[in-house]
PDB file of N, CA and C in Angstrom:
ATOM      1  N   UNK A   1      63.333  69.674 139.188  1.00  0.00           N
ATOM      2  CA  UNK A   1      64.143  68.811 138.191  1.00  0.00           C
ATOM      3  C   UNK A   1      65.504  68.183 139.021  1.00  0.00           C
ATOM      4  N   UNK A   2      65.192  67.078 139.483  1.00  0.00           N
ATOM      5  CA  UNK A   2      66.242  66.154 140.329  1.00  0.00           C
ATOM      6  C   UNK A   2      67.418  65.988 139.782  1.00  0.00           C
ATOM      7  N   UNK A   3      67.160  66.047 138.171  1.00  0.00           N
ATOM      8  CA  UNK A   3      68.537  65.365 137.604  1.00  0.00           C
ATOM      9  C   UNK A   3      69.540  66.875 136.774  1.00  0.00           C
ATOM     10  N   UNK A   4      68.941  67.986 137.130  1.00  0.00           N
ATOM     11  CA  UNK A   4      69.261  69.217 136.285  1.00  0.00           C
ATOM     12  C   UNK A   4      70.610  69.550 137.259  1.00  0.00           C
ATOM     13  N   UNK A   5      71.769  69.762 136.709  1.00  0.00           N
ATOM     14  CA  UNK A   5      72.781  70.322 137.578  1.00  0.00           C
ATOM     15  C   UNK A   5      72.516  71.828 137.917  1.00  0.00           C
ATOM     16  N   UNK A   6      72.010  72.622 137.215  1.00  0.00           N
ATOM     17  CA  UNK A   6      71.652  74.166 137.600  1.00  0.00           C
ATOM     18  C   UNK A   6      70.836  74.095 138.560  1.00  0.00           C
ATOM     19  N   UNK A   7      69.701  73.163 138.780  1.00  0.00           N
ATOM     20  CA  UNK A   7      68.552  73.145 139.802  1.00  0.00           C
ATOM     21  C   UNK A   7      69.656  72.677 141.027  1.00  0.00           C
ATOM     22  N   UNK A   8      70.604  71.530 141.086  1.00  0.00           N
ATOM     23  CA  UNK A   8      71.415  71.190 142.089  1.00  0.00           C
ATOM     24  C   UNK A   8      72.690  72.392 142.630  1.00  0.00           C
ATOM     25  N   UNK A   9      72.935  72.955 141.776  1.00  0.00           N
ATOM     26  CA  UNK A   9      73.904  74.550 142.085  1.00  0.00           C
ATOM     27  C   UNK A   9      72.944  75.316 142.756  1.00  0.00           C
ATOM     28  N   UNK A  10      71.757  75.636 142.288  1.00  0.00           N
ATOM     29  CA  UNK A  10      70.740  76.573 142.873  1.00  0.00           C
ATOM     30  C   UNK A  10      70.371  76.306 144.261  1.00  0.00           C
ATOM     31  N   UNK A  11      70.255  74.910 144.325  1.00  0.00           N
ATOM     32  CA  UNK A  11      69.510  74.321 145.548  1.00  0.00           C
ATOM     33  C   UNK A  11      70.927  74.199 146.405  1.00  0.00           C
ATOM     34  N   UNK A  12      72.426  74.179 145.947  1.00  0.00           N
ATOM     35  CA  UNK A  12      73.406  74.373 146.857  1.00  0.00           C
ATOM     36  C   UNK A  12      74.004  72.767 147.212  1.00  0.00           C
ATOM     37  N   UNK A  13      73.026  71.769 146.408  1.00  0.00           N
ATOM     38  CA  UNK A  13      73.652  70.347 146.354  1.00  0.00           C
ATOM     39  C   UNK A  13      74.955  70.214 145.627  1.00  0.00           C
ATOM     40  N   UNK A  14      75.534  71.069 144.739  1.00  0.00           N
ATOM     41  CA  UNK A  14      76.592  71.167 143.789  1.00  0.00           C
ATOM     42  C   UNK A  14      77.309  72.391 144.363  1.00  0.00           C
ATOM     43  N   UNK A  15      78.525  72.528 144.949  1.00  0.00           N
ATOM     44  CA  UNK A  15      79.046  73.609 145.056  1.00  0.00           C
ATOM     45  C   UNK A  15      79.397  74.493 143.576  1.00  0.00           C
ATOM     46  N   UNK A  16      79.504  76.042 144.230  1.00  0.00           N
ATOM     47  CA  UNK A  16      79.716  76.882 143.071  1.00  0.00           C
ATOM     48  C   UNK A  16      80.208  78.159 143.628  1.00  0.00           C
ATOM     49  N   UNK A  17      80.729  79.021 142.313  1.00  0.00           N
ATOM     50  CA  UNK A  17      81.502  80.082 142.981  1.00  0.00           C
ATOM     51  C   UNK A  17      80.486  81.215 142.359  1.00  0.00           C
ATOM     52  N   UNK A  18      79.586  81.485 143.478  1.00  0.00           N
ATOM     53  CA  UNK A  18      78.536  82.446 143.268  1.00  0.00           C
ATOM     54  C   UNK A  18      79.153  83.788 143.224  1.00  0.00           C
ATOM     55  N   UNK A  19      78.173  84.577 142.448  1.00  0.00           N
ATOM     56  CA  UNK A  19      78.408  86.019 142.300  1.00  0.00           C
ATOM     57  C   UNK A  19      77.457  87.081 142.651  1.00  0.00           C
ATOM     58  N   UNK A  20      76.081  86.566 142.470  1.00  0.00           N
ATOM     59  CA  UNK A  20      75.086  87.301 142.921  1.00  0.00           C
ATOM     60  C   UNK A  20      73.799  86.011 143.234  1.00  0.00           C
ATOM     61  N   UNK A  21      72.844  86.551 143.920  1.00  0.00           N
ATOM     62  CA  UNK A  21      71.779  85.890 144.005  1.00  0.00           C
ATOM     63  C   UNK A  21      70.648  86.735 144.543  1.00  0.00           C
ATOM     64  N   UNK A  22      69.335  86.168 144.178  1.00  0.00           N
ATOM     65  CA  UNK A  22      68.115  86.879 144.797  1.00  0.00           C
ATOM     66  C   UNK A  22      66.830  86.006 144.918  1.00  0.00           C
ATOM     67  N   UNK A  23      65.795  86.415 144.542  1.00  0.00           N
ATOM     68  CA  UNK A  23      64.432  85.503 145.029  1.00  0.00           C
ATOM     69  C   UNK A  23      64.305  84.918 143.538  1.00  0.00           C
ATOM     70  N   UNK A  24      64.963  85.388 142.415  1.00  0.00           N
ATOM     71  CA  UNK A  24      64.516  84.897 140.670  1.00  0.00           C
ATOM     72  C   UNK A  24      65.638  84.246 140.546  1.00  0.00           C
ATOM     73  N   UNK A  25      66.974  84.628 140.610  1.00  0.00           N
ATOM     74  CA  UNK A  25      68.023  84.275 139.888  1.00  0.00           C
ATOM     75  C   UNK A  25      69.417  83.718 140.819  1.00  0.00           C
ATOM     76  N   UNK A  26      70.158  83.087 140.204  1.00  0.00           N
ATOM     77  CA  UNK A  26      71.137  82.899 140.776  1.00  0.00           C
ATOM     78  C   UNK A  26      72.634  82.842 139.750  1.00  0.00           C
ATOM     79  N   UNK A  27      73.607  83.564 140.155  1.00  0.00           N
ATOM     80  CA  UNK A  27      74.871  84.058 138.934  1.00  0.00           C
ATOM     81  C   UNK A  27      75.781  83.151 139.607  1.00  0.00           C
ATOM     82  N   UNK A  28      76.582  82.609 138.801  1.00  0.00           N
ATOM     83  CA  UNK A  28      77.822  81.975 139.125  1.00  0.00           C
ATOM     84  C   UNK A  28      79.066  81.806 137.855  1.00  0.00           C
ATOM     85  N   UNK A  29      80.184  81.580 138.553  1.00  0.00           N
ATOM     86  CA  UNK A  29      81.267  81.327 137.642  1.00  0.00           C
ATOM     87  C   UNK A  29      81.032  80.264 136.686  1.00  0.00           C
ATOM     88  N   UNK A  30      81.156  80.054 135.472  1.00  0.00           N
ATOM     89  CA  UNK A  30      81.240  78.925 134.643  1.00  0.00           C
ATOM     90  C   UNK A  30      82.606  78.104 135.006  1.00  0.00           C
ATOM     91  N   UNK A  31      82.457  76.673 134.842  1.00  0.00           N
ATOM     92  CA  UNK A  31      83.477  75.621 135.201  1.00  0.00           C
ATOM     93  C   UNK A  31      84.360  75.684 134.438  1.00  0.00           C
ATOM     94  N   UNK A  32      84.152  76.135 132.887  1.00  0.00           N
ATOM     95  CA  UNK A  32      84.939  75.938 131.849  1.00  0.00           C
ATOM     96  C   UNK A  32      84.765  77.388 131.053  1.00  0.00           C
ATOM     97  N   UNK A  33      85.403  78.440 131.395  1.00  0.00           N
ATOM     98  CA  UNK A  33      85.153  79.847 130.706  1.00  0.00           C
ATOM     99  C   UNK A  33      85.930  79.714 129.739  1.00  0.00           C
ATOM    100  N   UNK A  34      85.344  80.698 128.890  1.00  0.00           N
ATOM    101  CA  UNK A  34      86.173  81.146 127.954  1.00  0.00           C
ATOM    102  C   UNK A  34      86.660  82.275 127.501  1.00  0.00           C
ATOM    103  N   UNK A  35      86.588  83.114 128.624  1.00  0.00           N
ATOM    104  CA  UNK A  35      87.240  84.293 128.888  1.00  0.00           C
ATOM    105  C   UNK A  35      87.542  84.523 130.263  1.00  0.00           C
ATOM    106  N   UNK A  36      88.310  85.796 130.495  1.00  0.00           N
ATOM    107  CA  UNK A  36      88.677  85.968 131.779  1.00  0.00           C
ATOM    108  C   UNK A  36      87.392  86.246 132.639  1.00  0.00           C
ATOM    109  N   UNK A  37      86.344  86.699 132.113  1.00  0.00           N
ATOM    110  CA  UNK A  37      85.108  86.543 132.942  1.00  0.00           C
ATOM    111  C   UNK A  37      83.835  85.803 132.017  1.00  0.00           C
ATOM    112  N   UNK A  38      83.366  84.883 132.882  1.00  0.00           N
ATOM    113  CA  UNK A  38      82.585  83.981 132.514  1.00  0.00           C
ATOM    114  C   UNK A  38      81.534  83.513 133.421  1.00  0.00           C
ATOM    115  N   UNK A  39      80.231  84.499 133.591  1.00  0.00           N
ATOM    116  CA  UNK A  39      79.430  84.077 134.358  1.00  0.00           C
ATOM    117  C   UNK A  39      78.063  83.431 133.879  1.00  0.00           C
ATOM    118  N   UNK A  40      77.348  82.626 134.740  1.00  0.00           N
ATOM    119  CA  UNK A  40      76.115  82.207 133.903  1.00  0.00           C
ATOM    120  C   UNK A  40      75.209  82.574 134.914  1.00  0.00           C
ATOM    121  N   UNK A  41      73.987  83.353 134.331  1.00  0.00           N
ATOM    122  CA  UNK A  41      72.925  83.954 135.307  1.00  0.00           C
ATOM    123  C   UNK A  41      71.599  83.210 134.713  1.00  0.00           C
ATOM    124  N   UNK A  42      71.354  82.030 136.002  1.00  0.00           N
ATOM    125  CA  UNK A  42      70.295  81.250 135.765  1.00  0.00           C
ATOM    126  C   UNK A  42      69.041  81.409 136.622  1.00  0.00           C
ATOM    127  N   UNK A  43      67.626  81.379 135.925  1.00  0.00           N
ATOM    128  CA  UNK A  43      66.720  81.310 136.826  1.00  0.00           C
ATOM    129  C   UNK A  43      66.747  80.201 137.942  1.00  0.00           C
ATOM    130  N   UNK A  44      66.268  80.620 139.271  1.00  0.00           N
ATOM    131  CA  UNK A  44      65.912  79.705 140.032  1.00  0.00           C
ATOM    132  C   UNK A  44      64.524  78.621 139.569  1.00  0.00           C
ATOM    133  N   UNK A  45      63.967  79.125 138.867  1.00  0.00           N
ATOM    134  CA  UNK A  45      62.752  78.311 138.566  1.00  0.00           C
ATOM    135  C   UNK A  45      63.109  77.462 137.208  1.00  0.00           C
ATOM    136  N   UNK A  46      63.144  76.534 137.157  1.00  0.00           N
ATOM    137  CA  UNK A  46      63.413  75.436 136.058  1.00  0.00           C
ATOM    138  C   UNK A  46      62.784  75.833 134.712  1.00  0.00           C
ATOM    139  N   UNK A  47      63.557  76.391 133.747  1.00  0.00           N
ATOM    140  CA  UNK A  47      62.823  76.634 132.447  1.00  0.00           C
ATOM    141  C   UNK A  47      63.861  75.814 131.667  1.00  0.00           C
ATOM    142  N   UNK A  48      63.128  74.787 130.820  1.00  0.00           N
ATOM    143  CA  UNK A  48      64.435  73.835 130.173  1.00  0.00           C
ATOM    144  C   UNK A  48      65.173  74.988 129.124  1.00  0.00           C
ATOM    145  N   UNK A  49      64.427  76.023 128.536  1.00  0.00           N
ATOM    146  CA  UNK A  49      65.391  76.591 127.628  1.00  0.00           C
ATOM    147  C   UNK A  49      64.356  77.801 126.942  1.00  0.00           C
ATOM    148  N   UNK A  50      65.155  78.616 126.201  1.00  0.00           N
ATOM    149  CA  UNK A  50      64.573  79.830 125.109  1.00  0.00           C
ATOM    150  C   UNK A  50      63.150  79.106 124.823  1.00  0.00           C
ATOM    151  N   UNK A  51      63.425  78.074 124.154  1.00  0.00           N
ATOM    152  CA  UNK A  51      62.108  77.246 123.422  1.00  0.00           C
ATOM    153  C   UNK A  51      61.111  76.719 124.355  1.00  0.00           C
ATOM    154  N   UNK A  52      61.355  77.017 125.440  1.00  0.00           N
ATOM    155  CA  UNK A  52      60.179  76.629 126.296  1.00  0.00           C
ATOM    156  C   UNK A  52      59.555  77.841 127.102  1.00  0.00           C
ATOM    157  N   UNK A  53      59.963  78.889 126.853  1.00  0.00           N
ATOM    158  CA  UNK A  53      59.558  80.206 127.498  1.00  0.00           C
ATOM    159  C   UNK A  53      57.860  80.264 127.519  1.00  0.00           C
ATOM    160  N   UNK A  54      57.187  80.730 128.253  1.00  0.00           N
ATOM    161  CA  UNK A  54      55.691  80.942 128.584  1.00  0.00           C
ATOM    162  C   UNK A  54      55.800  82.631 128.591  1.00  0.00           C
ATOM    163  N   UNK A  55      54.424  83.198 128.256  1.00  0.00           N
ATOM    164  CA  UNK A  55      54.501  84.309 128.855  1.00  0.00           C
ATOM    165  C   UNK A  55      54.708  84.876 129.968  1.00  0.00           C
ATOM    166  N   UNK A  56      54.224  84.038 130.924  1.00  0.00           N
ATOM    167  CA  UNK A  56      54.434  84.373 132.356  1.00  0.00           C
ATOM    168  C   UNK A  56      56.159  84.258 132.749  1.00  0.00           C
ATOM    169  N   UNK A  57      56.973  83.963 132.136  1.00  0.00           N
ATOM    170  CA  UNK A  57      58.505  83.920 132.134  1.00  0.00           C
ATOM    171  C   UNK A  57      58.806  85.191 131.870  1.00  0.00           C
ATOM    172  N   UNK A  58      58.059  85.765 131.047  1.00  0.00           N
ATOM    173  CA  UNK A  58      58.859  87.474 130.776  1.00  0.00           C
ATOM    174  C   UNK A  58      59.505  88.082 131.770  1.00  0.00           C
ATOM    175  N   UNK A  59      59.171  88.521 133.239  1.00  0.00           N
ATOM    176  CA  UNK A  59      59.679  88.946 133.858  1.00  0.00           C
ATOM    177  C   UNK A  59      61.142  88.478 134.526  1.00  0.00           C
ATOM    178  N   UNK A  60      61.056  87.147 134.299  1.00  0.00           N
ATOM    179  CA  UNK A  60      62.172  86.469 134.900  1.00  0.00           C
ATOM    180  C   UNK A  60      63.250  86.857 133.663  1.00  0.00           C
ATOM    181  N   UNK A  61      63.093  86.948 132.672  1.00  0.00           N
ATOM    182  CA  UNK A  61      63.919  86.919 131.464  1.00  0.00           C
ATOM    183  C   UNK A  61      64.385  88.396 131.575  1.00  0.00           C
ATOM    184  N   UNK A  62      63.563  89.428 131.631  1.00  0.00           N
ATOM    185  CA  UNK A  62      63.813  90.966 131.762  1.00  0.00           C
ATOM    186  C   UNK A  62      64.871  91.008 132.900  1.00  0.00           C
ATOM    187  N   UNK A  63      64.538  90.024 133.818  1.00  0.00           N
ATOM    188  CA  UNK A  63      65.762  90.532 135.502  1.00  0.00           C
ATOM    189  C   UNK A  63      66.835  89.870 135.012  1.00  0.00           C
ATOM    190  N   UNK A  64      66.941  88.677 134.256  1.00  0.00           N
ATOM    191  CA  UNK A  64      68.312  88.074 133.901  1.00  0.00           C
ATOM    192  C   UNK A  64      69.154  89.046 133.340  1.00  0.00           C
ATOM    193  N   UNK A  65      68.224  90.000 132.001  1.00  0.00           N
ATOM    194  CA  UNK A  65      69.197  90.991 131.469  1.00  0.00           C
ATOM    195  C   UNK A  65      69.524  92.210 132.435  1.00  0.00           C
ATOM    196  N   UNK A  66      68.483  92.401 133.360  1.00  0.00           N
ATOM    197  CA  UNK A  66      68.744  93.637 134.559  1.00  0.00           C
ATOM    198  C   UNK A  66      70.170  92.930 135.456  1.00  0.00           C
ATOM    199  N   UNK A  67      70.209  91.879 135.638  1.00  0.00           N
ATOM    200  CA  UNK A  67      71.396  91.344 136.529  1.00  0.00           C
ATOM    201  C   UNK A  67      72.642  91.147 135.569  1.00  0.00           C
ATOM    202  N   UNK A  68      72.397  90.886 134.587  1.00  0.00           N
ATOM    203  CA  UNK A  68      73.851  91.008 133.774  1.00  0.00           C
ATOM    204  C   UNK A  68      74.444  92.121 133.442  1.00  0.00           C
ATOM    205  N   UNK A  69      73.264  93.438 132.870  1.00  0.00           N
ATOM    206  CA  UNK A  69      73.998  94.792 133.201  1.00  0.00           C
ATOM    207  C   UNK A  69      74.492  95.170 134.352  1.00  0.00           C
ATOM    208  N   UNK A  70      74.083  95.100 135.518  1.00  0.00           N
ATOM    209  CA  UNK A  70      74.459  95.137 136.929  1.00  0.00           C
ATOM    210  C   UNK A  70      75.934  94.655 137.294  1.00  0.00           C
ATOM    211  N   UNK A  71      76.030  93.113 136.860  1.00  0.00           N
ATOM    212  CA  UNK A  71      77.310  92.400 136.915  1.00  0.00           C
ATOM    213  C   UNK A  71      78.417  92.851 136.145  1.00  0.00           C
ATOM    214  N   UNK A  72      77.897  93.177 134.961  1.00  0.00           N
ATOM    215  CA  UNK A  72      79.153  94.005 133.794  1.00  0.00           C
ATOM    216  C   UNK A  72      79.487  95.391 134.380  1.00  0.00           C
ATOM    217  N   UNK A  73      78.784  96.141 135.151  1.00  0.00           N
ATOM    218  CA  UNK A  73      79.101  97.076 135.743  1.00  0.00           C
ATOM    219  C   UNK A  73      80.001  96.867 137.004  1.00  0.00           C
ATOM    220  N   UNK A  74      79.349  96.044 137.738  1.00  0.00           N
ATOM    221  CA  UNK A  74      80.279  95.654 138.805  1.00  0.00           C
ATOM    222  C   UNK A  74      81.653  94.971 138.752  1.00  0.00           C
ATOM    223  N   UNK A  75      81.742  94.277 137.745  1.00  0.00           N
ATOM    224  CA  UNK A  75      82.990  93.484 137.174  1.00  0.00           C
ATOM    225  C   UNK A  75      83.808  94.382 136.538  1.00  0.00           C
ATOM    226  N   UNK A  76      83.455  95.707 136.238  1.00  0.00           N
ATOM    227  CA  UNK A  76      84.137  96.634 135.631  1.00  0.00           C
ATOM    228  C   UNK A  76      84.443  96.389 134.242  1.00  0.00           C
ATOM    229  N   UNK A  77      83.214  95.730 133.452  1.00  0.00           N
ATOM    230  CA  UNK A  77      83.501  95.173 131.952  1.00  0.00           C
ATOM    231  C   UNK A  77      83.216  96.329 131.354  1.00  0.00           C
ATOM    232  N   UNK A  78      82.245  97.171 131.720  1.00  0.00           N
ATOM    233  CA  UNK A  78      81.747  98.404 130.912  1.00  0.00           C
ATOM    234  C   UNK A  78      82.291  99.726 131.976  1.00  0.00           C
ATOM    235  N   UNK A  79      82.900 100.521 131.083  1.00  0.00           N
ATOM    236  CA  UNK A  79      83.655 101.897 132.141  1.00  0.00           C
ATOM    237  C   UNK A  79      82.632 102.862 131.465  1.00  0.00           C
ATOM    238  N   UNK A  80      81.857 103.721 132.319  1.00  0.00           N
ATOM    239  CA  UNK A  80      81.268 105.391 131.891  1.00  0.00           C
ATOM    240  C   UNK A  80      80.510 105.014 130.978  1.00  0.00           C
ATOM    241  N   UNK A  81      79.716 106.173 130.317  1.00  0.00           N
ATOM    242  CA  UNK A  81      78.652 106.347 129.763  1.00  0.00           C
ATOM    243  C   UNK A  81      79.393 106.160 127.991  1.00  0.00           C
ATOM    244  N   UNK A  82      80.307 106.084 127.935  1.00  0.00           N
ATOM    245  CA  UNK A  82      80.544 105.796 126.404  1.00  0.00           C
ATOM    246  C   UNK A  82      81.061 104.529 125.968  1.00  0.00           C
ATOM    247  N   UNK A  83      80.516 103.403 127.039  1.00  0.00           N
ATOM    248  CA  UNK A  83      80.728 102.232 127.100  1.00  0.00           C
ATOM    249  C   UNK A  83      82.297 101.649 126.456  1.00  0.00           C
ATOM    250  N   UNK A  84      83.050 102.170 127.112  1.00  0.00           N
ATOM    251  CA  UNK A  84      84.562 101.140 126.929  1.00  0.00           C
ATOM    252  C   UNK A  84      84.443 100.067 127.412  1.00  0.00           C
ATOM    253  N   UNK A  85      85.187  99.284 126.734  1.00  0.00           N
ATOM    254  CA  UNK A  85      85.256  97.783 127.525  1.00  0.00           C
ATOM    255  C   UNK A  85      84.041  97.294 126.693  1.00  0.00           C
ATOM    256  N   UNK A  86      83.477  96.250 127.570  1.00  0.00           N
ATOM    257  CA  UNK A  86      82.474  95.461 126.891  1.00  0.00           C
ATOM    258  C   UNK A  86      82.448  94.068 127.223  1.00  0.00           C
ATOM    259  N   UNK A  87      81.276  93.483 126.650  1.00  0.00           N
ATOM    260  CA  UNK A  87      81.035  92.007 127.307  1.00  0.00           C
ATOM    261  C   UNK A  87      79.916  91.635 126.148  1.00  0.00           C
ATOM    262  N   UNK A  88      79.836  90.025 126.208  1.00  0.00           N
ATOM    263  CA  UNK A  88      78.595  89.633 125.346  1.00  0.00           C
ATOM    264  C   UNK A  88      78.088  88.703 126.066  1.00  0.00           C
ATOM    265  N   UNK A  89      76.409  89.010 125.851  1.00  0.00           N
ATOM    266  CA  UNK A  89      75.546  87.964 126.497  1.00  0.00           C
ATOM    267  C   UNK A  89      75.131  87.035 125.409  1.00  0.00           C
ATOM    268  N   UNK A  90      75.278  85.551 125.714  1.00  0.00           N
ATOM    269  CA  UNK A  90      74.969  84.641 124.849  1.00  0.00           C
ATOM    270  C   UNK A  90      73.514  83.863 125.444  1.00  0.00           C
ATOM    271  N   UNK A  91      72.373  83.892 124.665  1.00  0.00           N
ATOM    272  CA  UNK A  91      71.901  82.024 125.193  1.00  0.00           C
ATOM    273  C   UNK A  91      72.064  81.255 124.078  1.00  0.00           C
ATOM    274  N   UNK A  92      72.320  80.193 124.468  1.00  0.00           N
ATOM    275  CA  UNK A  92      72.529  78.952 123.328  1.00  0.00           C
ATOM    276  C   UNK A  92      71.182  78.204 123.380  1.00  0.00           C
ATOM    277  N   UNK A  93      70.973  78.123 122.028  1.00  0.00           N
ATOM    278  CA  UNK A  93      69.269  77.634 122.047  1.00  0.00           C
ATOM    279  C   UNK A  93      69.689  76.351 121.145  1.00  0.00           C
ATOM    280  N   UNK A  94      69.655  74.849 121.908  1.00  0.00           N
ATOM    281  CA  UNK A  94      69.638  73.743 121.145  1.00  0.00           C
ATOM    282  C   UNK A  94      70.912  73.033 121.235  1.00  0.00           C
ATOM    283  N   UNK A  95      71.070  71.845 120.763  1.00  0.00           N
ATOM    284  CA  UNK A  95      72.325  71.464 120.964  1.00  0.00           C
ATOM    285  C   UNK A  95      73.523  72.022 120.008  1.00  0.00           C
ATOM    286  N   UNK A  96      72.654  72.238 118.681  1.00  0.00           N
ATOM    287  CA  UNK A  96      73.585  72.819 117.515  1.00  0.00           C
ATOM    288  C   UNK A  96      74.222  74.149 118.004  1.00  0.00           C
ATOM    289  N   UNK A  97      73.458  74.676 118.789  1.00  0.00           N
ATOM    290  CA  UNK A  97      74.070  75.907 118.955  1.00  0.00           C
ATOM    291  C   UNK A  97      74.819  76.058 120.295  1.00  0.00           C
ATOM    292  N   UNK A  98      75.139  74.769 120.837  1.00  0.00           N
ATOM    293  CA  UNK A  98      76.042  74.918 121.946  1.00  0.00           C
ATOM    294  C   UNK A  98      75.390  74.605 123.172  1.00  0.00           C
ATOM    295  N   UNK A  99      74.248  74.695 123.396  1.00  0.00           N
ATOM    296  CA  UNK A  99      73.265  74.295 124.407  1.00  0.00           C
ATOM    297  C   UNK A  99      73.776  72.743 124.825  1.00  0.00           C
ATOM    298  N   UNK A 100      74.157  72.900 126.321  1.00  0.00           N
ATOM    299  CA  UNK A 100      74.736  71.480 127.089  1.00  0.00           C
ATOM    300  C   UNK A 100      73.995  71.153 128.267  1.00  0.00           C
ATOM    301  N   UNK A 101      73.193  72.103 128.885  1.00  0.00           N
ATOM    302  CA  UNK A 101      72.633  72.166 130.069  1.00  0.00           C
ATOM    303  C   UNK A 101      71.198  72.647 129.724  1.00  0.00           C
ATOM    304  N   UNK A 102      70.007  71.856 129.789  1.00  0.00           N
ATOM    305  CA  UNK A 102      68.765  72.412 129.294  1.00  0.00           C
ATOM    306  C   UNK A 102      68.117  72.953 130.552  1.00  0.00           C
ATOM    307  N   UNK A 103      68.511  73.798 130.901  1.00  0.00           N
ATOM    308  CA  UNK A 103      68.319  75.026 132.018  1.00  0.00           C
ATOM    309  C   UNK A 103      68.316  76.291 131.607  1.00  0.00           C
ATOM    310  N   UNK A 104      67.535  76.849 131.372  1.00  0.00           N
ATOM    311  CA  UNK A 104      67.879  78.482 130.781  1.00  0.00           C
ATOM    312  C   UNK A 104      68.713  78.937 131.459  1.00  0.00           C
ATOM    313  N   UNK A 105      69.863  79.397 130.548  1.00  0.00           N
ATOM    314  CA  UNK A 105      70.934  80.488 131.476  1.00  0.00           C
ATOM    315  C   UNK A 105      71.473  81.388 130.187  1.00  0.00           C
ATOM    316  N   UNK A 106      72.128  82.534 130.820  1.00  0.00           N
ATOM    317  CA  UNK A 106      72.412  83.314 130.069  1.00  0.00           C
ATOM    318  C   UNK A 106      74.019  83.571 130.358  1.00  0.00           C
ATOM    319  N   UNK A 107      74.985  83.557 129.538  1.00  0.00           N
ATOM    320  CA  UNK A 107      76.589  83.567 129.248  1.00  0.00           C
ATOM    321  C   UNK A 107      76.818  84.969 129.369  1.00  0.00           C
ATOM    322  N   UNK A 108      77.619  85.380 130.393  1.00  0.00           N
ATOM    323  CA  UNK A 108      78.035  87.044 130.538  1.00  0.00           C
ATOM    324  C   UNK A 108      79.511  86.734 130.367  1.00  0.00           C
ATOM    325  N   UNK A 109      80.053  87.414 128.955  1.00  0.00           N
ATOM    326  CA  UNK A 109      81.662  86.753 128.901  1.00  0.00           C
ATOM    327  C   UNK A 109      82.081  88.097 128.722  1.00  0.00           C
ATOM    328  N   UNK A 110      83.571  88.133 129.000  1.00  0.00           N
ATOM    329  CA  UNK A 110      84.144  89.638 129.207  1.00  0.00           C
ATOM    330  C   UNK A 110      85.500  89.417 129.703  1.00  0.00           C
ATOM    331  N   UNK A 111      86.174  90.439 129.569  1.00  0.00           N
ATOM    332  CA  UNK A 111      87.301  90.375 130.131  1.00  0.00           C
ATOM    333  C   UNK A 111      88.176  90.637 129.113  1.00  0.00           C
ATOM    334  N   UNK A 112      88.081  90.534 127.931  1.00  0.00           N
ATOM    335  CA  UNK A 112      88.959  90.472 126.807  1.00  0.00           C
ATOM    336  C   UNK A 112      88.113  90.961 125.458  1.00  0.00           C
ATOM    337  N   UNK A 113      89.249  91.238 124.304  1.00  0.00           N
ATOM    338  CA  UNK A 113      88.163  91.692 123.217  1.00  0.00           C
ATOM    339  C   UNK A 113      87.533  90.565 122.622  1.00  0.00           C
ATOM    340  N   UNK A 114      86.494  90.819 121.751  1.00  0.00           N
ATOM    341  CA  UNK A 114      85.841  89.520 121.636  1.00  0.00           C
ATOM    342  C   UNK A 114      86.168  89.874 119.893  1.00  0.00           C
ATOM    343  N   UNK A 115      85.749  88.625 119.157  1.00  0.00           N
ATOM    344  CA  UNK A 115      85.746  88.776 117.627  1.00  0.00           C
ATOM    345  C   UNK A 115      84.664  88.337 117.255  1.00  0.00           C
ATOM    346  N   UNK A 116      84.209  88.595 116.081  1.00  0.00           N
ATOM    347  CA  UNK A 116      83.385  88.574 115.292  1.00  0.00           C
ATOM    348  C   UNK A 116      83.397  88.473 114.003  1.00  0.00           C
ATOM    349  N   UNK A 117      82.417  87.487 112.995  1.00  0.00           N
ATOM    350  CA  UNK A 117      81.872  86.261 114.179  1.00  0.00           C
ATOM    351  C   UNK A 117      82.012  85.429 114.805  1.00  0.00           C
ATOM    352  N   UNK A 118      81.045  85.167 115.781  1.00  0.00           N
ATOM    353  CA  UNK A 118      81.186  84.275 116.848  1.00  0.00           C
ATOM    354  C   UNK A 118      81.422  82.776 116.098  1.00  0.00           C
ATOM    355  N   UNK A 119      82.019  81.833 116.550  1.00  0.00           N
ATOM    356  CA  UNK A 119      81.413  80.197 116.607  1.00  0.00           C
ATOM    357  C   UNK A 119      81.454  79.891 115.011  1.00  0.00           C
TER     358      UNK A 119
END
């Protein structure tokens, strides 16, 4: 996808502040953070969004959640077995939900107390 900003970030055509990368995903700081920690976890395969997932994408989505757990721990957002601290994981699906980049991505948001209900 030549015009996709996340594809350009993954290919290093557009700079980003990366925090994790492997063969399936790239994770980087959001340029418009809504909390002290706001990381985007993006599959390297261009997937338009949740609404476009296919059965063969299931391992990628599972890996995205694994990376989120790992980053939550590494960034100190969860402390110990009692789950002190915390973070929020968000997929926005469609324009009305706030999806502005149509490449599947998970927001990992933390570093402050979260309110409920959101948005």
